Amino acid sequence: MALDKDTTELRWRKSSYSGGGNDCVEVAFTRDGAAVRDSKNPAGGALTVPAAEWDALLAAARTGELDLR
């Protein structure tokens, strides 16, 4: 994982469940994986992860592995 400051060329998107505010994370897909940033601070850089780690995160979220309850 790396914090990448130059993400100007990426195409960012928010979940349709975000409610339209600026209180969520945004994701952009890169050629090697994905980048995630805070929608309140888009110039603050992004966390980039390889494709395999992104896929593992999504799989864990889908199965409820990340639920804190």
N, C-alpha and C. Protein backbone atom coordinates (compact mmCIF):
# COMPACT_ATOMS: atom_id res chain seq x y z
N MET A 1 0.84 -1.18 0.00
CA MET A 1 0.00 0.00 0.00
C MET A 1 0.88 1.24 0.00
N ALA A 2 0.36 2.28 -0.61
CA ALA A 2 1.13 3.51 -0.68
C ALA A 2 0.17 4.69 -0.66
N LEU A 3 0.67 5.80 -0.16
CA LEU A 3 -0.08 7.05 -0.22
C LEU A 3 0.39 7.81 -1.44
N ASP A 4 -0.50 8.00 -2.39
CA ASP A 4 -0.15 8.59 -3.67
C ASP A 4 -0.73 10.00 -3.75
N LYS A 5 0.12 10.98 -3.91
CA LYS A 5 -0.34 12.38 -3.99
C LYS A 5 -0.81 12.76 -5.40
N ASP A 6 -0.31 12.12 -6.45
CA ASP A 6 -0.68 12.50 -7.81
C ASP A 6 -1.78 11.58 -8.33
N THR A 7 -3.01 11.97 -8.09
CA THR A 7 -4.17 11.18 -8.52
C THR A 7 -5.09 11.99 -9.43
N THR A 8 -4.54 13.03 -10.04
CA THR A 8 -5.36 13.94 -10.84
C THR A 8 -5.93 13.29 -12.09
N GLU A 9 -5.28 12.29 -12.62
CA GLU A 9 -5.74 11.66 -13.86
C GLU A 9 -6.76 10.55 -13.64
N LEU A 10 -7.05 10.22 -12.40
CA LEU A 10 -7.96 9.11 -12.12
C LEU A 10 -9.42 9.55 -12.22
N ARG A 11 -10.28 8.60 -12.50
CA ARG A 11 -11.72 8.85 -12.56
C ARG A 11 -12.35 8.35 -11.25
N TRP A 12 -12.73 9.27 -10.41
CA TRP A 12 -13.23 8.96 -9.07
C TRP A 12 -14.72 8.74 -9.07
N ARG A 13 -15.19 7.87 -8.17
CA ARG A 13 -16.64 7.65 -8.03
C ARG A 13 -16.99 7.37 -6.58
N LYS A 14 -18.21 7.72 -6.25
CA LYS A 14 -18.75 7.47 -4.91
C LYS A 14 -19.87 6.44 -5.03
N SER A 15 -20.15 5.79 -3.95
CA SER A 15 -21.26 4.85 -3.91
C SER A 15 -22.58 5.58 -4.11
N SER A 16 -23.53 4.93 -4.74
CA SER A 16 -24.86 5.53 -4.89
C SER A 16 -25.57 5.60 -3.54
N TYR A 17 -25.04 4.93 -2.54
CA TYR A 17 -25.61 4.95 -1.19
C TYR A 17 -25.04 6.09 -0.34
N SER A 18 -24.19 6.91 -0.89
CA SER A 18 -23.50 7.94 -0.10
C SER A 18 -24.40 9.08 0.32
N GLY A 19 -25.54 9.25 -0.29
CA GLY A 19 -26.46 10.31 0.12
C GLY A 19 -26.13 11.67 -0.47
N GLY A 20 -25.13 11.77 -1.31
CA GLY A 20 -24.83 13.02 -1.99
C GLY A 20 -23.99 13.99 -1.20
N GLY A 21 -23.69 13.71 0.05
CA GLY A 21 -22.84 14.60 0.83
C GLY A 21 -21.37 14.34 0.59
N ASN A 22 -20.55 15.10 1.26
CA ASN A 22 -19.10 14.92 1.15
C ASN A 22 -18.56 14.19 2.36
N ASP A 23 -19.25 13.17 2.82
CA ASP A 23 -18.83 12.47 4.02
C ASP A 23 -18.63 10.98 3.75
N CYS A 24 -17.91 10.69 2.69
CA CYS A 24 -17.70 9.30 2.33
C CYS A 24 -16.33 9.15 1.69
N VAL A 25 -16.04 7.96 1.27
CA VAL A 25 -14.80 7.72 0.53
C VAL A 25 -15.12 7.59 -0.94
N GLU A 26 -14.13 7.86 -1.75
CA GLU A 26 -14.26 7.70 -3.20
C GLU A 26 -13.24 6.66 -3.65
N VAL A 27 -13.55 5.98 -4.72
CA VAL A 27 -12.64 4.98 -5.26
C VAL A 27 -12.39 5.27 -6.74
N ALA A 28 -11.18 4.98 -7.16
CA ALA A 28 -10.82 5.06 -8.58
C ALA A 28 -10.00 3.81 -8.89
N PHE A 29 -10.25 3.24 -10.04
CA PHE A 29 -9.51 2.04 -10.42
C PHE A 29 -8.29 2.44 -11.22
N THR A 30 -7.19 1.83 -10.87
CA THR A 30 -5.92 2.09 -11.55
C THR A 30 -5.55 0.86 -12.38
N ARG A 31 -4.50 0.95 -13.12
CA ARG A 31 -4.12 -0.22 -13.93
C ARG A 31 -3.62 -1.36 -13.05
N ASP A 32 -3.18 -1.05 -11.81
CA ASP A 32 -2.65 -2.07 -10.91
C ASP A 32 -3.59 -2.44 -9.77
N GLY A 33 -4.69 -1.73 -9.60
CA GLY A 33 -5.58 -2.01 -8.48
C GLY A 33 -6.60 -0.90 -8.29
N ALA A 34 -6.59 -0.30 -7.10
CA ALA A 34 -7.56 0.74 -6.79
C ALA A 34 -6.92 1.80 -5.90
N ALA A 35 -7.52 2.98 -5.92
CA ALA A 35 -7.11 4.08 -5.05
C ALA A 35 -8.35 4.54 -4.29
N VAL A 36 -8.16 4.90 -3.03
CA VAL A 36 -9.25 5.33 -2.17
C VAL A 36 -8.86 6.66 -1.54
N ARG A 37 -9.81 7.60 -1.50
CA ARG A 37 -9.54 8.90 -0.88
C ARG A 37 -10.77 9.38 -0.12
N ASP A 38 -10.54 10.35 0.74
CA ASP A 38 -11.60 10.99 1.52
C ASP A 38 -12.26 12.06 0.65
N SER A 39 -13.58 11.98 0.50
CA SER A 39 -14.26 12.95 -0.37
C SER A 39 -14.22 14.37 0.18
N LYS A 40 -14.00 14.53 1.49
CA LYS A 40 -13.90 15.87 2.07
C LYS A 40 -12.55 16.52 1.77
N ASN A 41 -11.55 15.70 1.44
CA ASN A 41 -10.21 16.22 1.20
C ASN A 41 -9.59 15.54 -0.02
N PRO A 42 -10.13 15.77 -1.21
CA PRO A 42 -9.63 15.08 -2.40
C PRO A 42 -8.18 15.42 -2.75
N ALA A 43 -7.70 16.56 -2.32
CA ALA A 43 -6.31 16.93 -2.62
C ALA A 43 -5.33 16.34 -1.61
N GLY A 44 -5.85 15.65 -0.60
CA GLY A 44 -5.01 15.12 0.45
C GLY A 44 -4.31 13.82 0.12
N GLY A 45 -4.44 13.34 -1.10
CA GLY A 45 -3.79 12.09 -1.48
C GLY A 45 -4.75 10.93 -1.41
N ALA A 46 -4.25 9.77 -1.78
CA ALA A 46 -5.08 8.58 -1.83
C ALA A 46 -4.27 7.37 -1.41
N LEU A 47 -4.94 6.43 -0.83
CA LEU A 47 -4.34 5.15 -0.49
C LEU A 47 -4.50 4.23 -1.69
N THR A 48 -3.42 3.71 -2.21
CA THR A 48 -3.50 2.82 -3.37
C THR A 48 -3.22 1.39 -2.92
N VAL A 49 -3.96 0.45 -3.46
CA VAL A 49 -3.79 -0.96 -3.11
C VAL A 49 -3.75 -1.79 -4.40
N PRO A 50 -2.96 -2.87 -4.38
CA PRO A 50 -2.93 -3.77 -5.53
C PRO A 50 -4.28 -4.45 -5.73
N ALA A 51 -4.51 -4.93 -6.93
CA ALA A 51 -5.80 -5.54 -7.28
C ALA A 51 -6.17 -6.69 -6.35
N ALA A 52 -5.23 -7.55 -5.99
CA ALA A 52 -5.53 -8.69 -5.13
C ALA A 52 -6.00 -8.24 -3.74
N GLU A 53 -5.40 -7.18 -3.21
CA GLU A 53 -5.82 -6.66 -1.90
C GLU A 53 -7.19 -6.00 -1.99
N TRP A 54 -7.45 -5.29 -3.09
CA TRP A 54 -8.77 -4.68 -3.28
C TRP A 54 -9.85 -5.75 -3.35
N ASP A 55 -9.58 -6.81 -4.11
CA ASP A 55 -10.54 -7.92 -4.23
C ASP A 55 -10.78 -8.58 -2.88
N ALA A 56 -9.73 -8.75 -2.07
CA ALA A 56 -9.87 -9.35 -0.75
C ALA A 56 -10.72 -8.46 0.17
N LEU A 57 -10.53 -7.14 0.09
CA LEU A 57 -11.33 -6.21 0.88
C LEU A 57 -12.81 -6.30 0.51
N LEU A 58 -13.09 -6.30 -0.79
CA LEU A 58 -14.48 -6.40 -1.23
C LEU A 58 -15.11 -7.72 -0.81
N ALA A 59 -14.37 -8.82 -0.92
CA ALA A 59 -14.89 -10.13 -0.52
C ALA A 59 -15.21 -10.14 0.97
N ALA A 60 -14.33 -9.58 1.79
CA ALA A 60 -14.56 -9.54 3.23
C ALA A 60 -15.78 -8.67 3.57
N ALA A 61 -15.95 -7.56 2.87
CA ALA A 61 -17.11 -6.70 3.11
C ALA A 61 -18.40 -7.40 2.71
N ARG A 62 -18.38 -8.11 1.60
CA ARG A 62 -19.58 -8.79 1.11
C ARG A 62 -20.02 -9.93 2.03
N THR A 63 -19.09 -10.60 2.66
CA THR A 63 -19.43 -11.74 3.52
C THR A 63 -19.71 -11.32 4.95
N GLY A 64 -19.55 -10.02 5.27
CA GLY A 64 -19.82 -9.55 6.62
C GLY A 64 -18.63 -9.68 7.57
N GLU A 65 -17.50 -10.08 7.05
CA GLU A 65 -16.31 -10.27 7.87
C GLU A 65 -15.88 -8.99 8.56
N LEU A 66 -16.21 -7.84 8.00
CA LEU A 66 -15.79 -6.56 8.55
C LEU A 66 -16.84 -5.93 9.47
N ASP A 67 -17.99 -6.58 9.63
CA ASP A 67 -19.02 -6.05 10.53
C ASP A 67 -18.50 -6.03 11.96
N LEU A 68 -18.69 -4.92 12.63
CA LEU A 68 -18.19 -4.76 13.99
C LEU A 68 -19.22 -5.15 15.05
N ARG A 69 -20.37 -5.57 14.68
CA ARG A 69 -21.40 -5.93 15.66
C ARG A 69 -21.22 -7.32 16.16
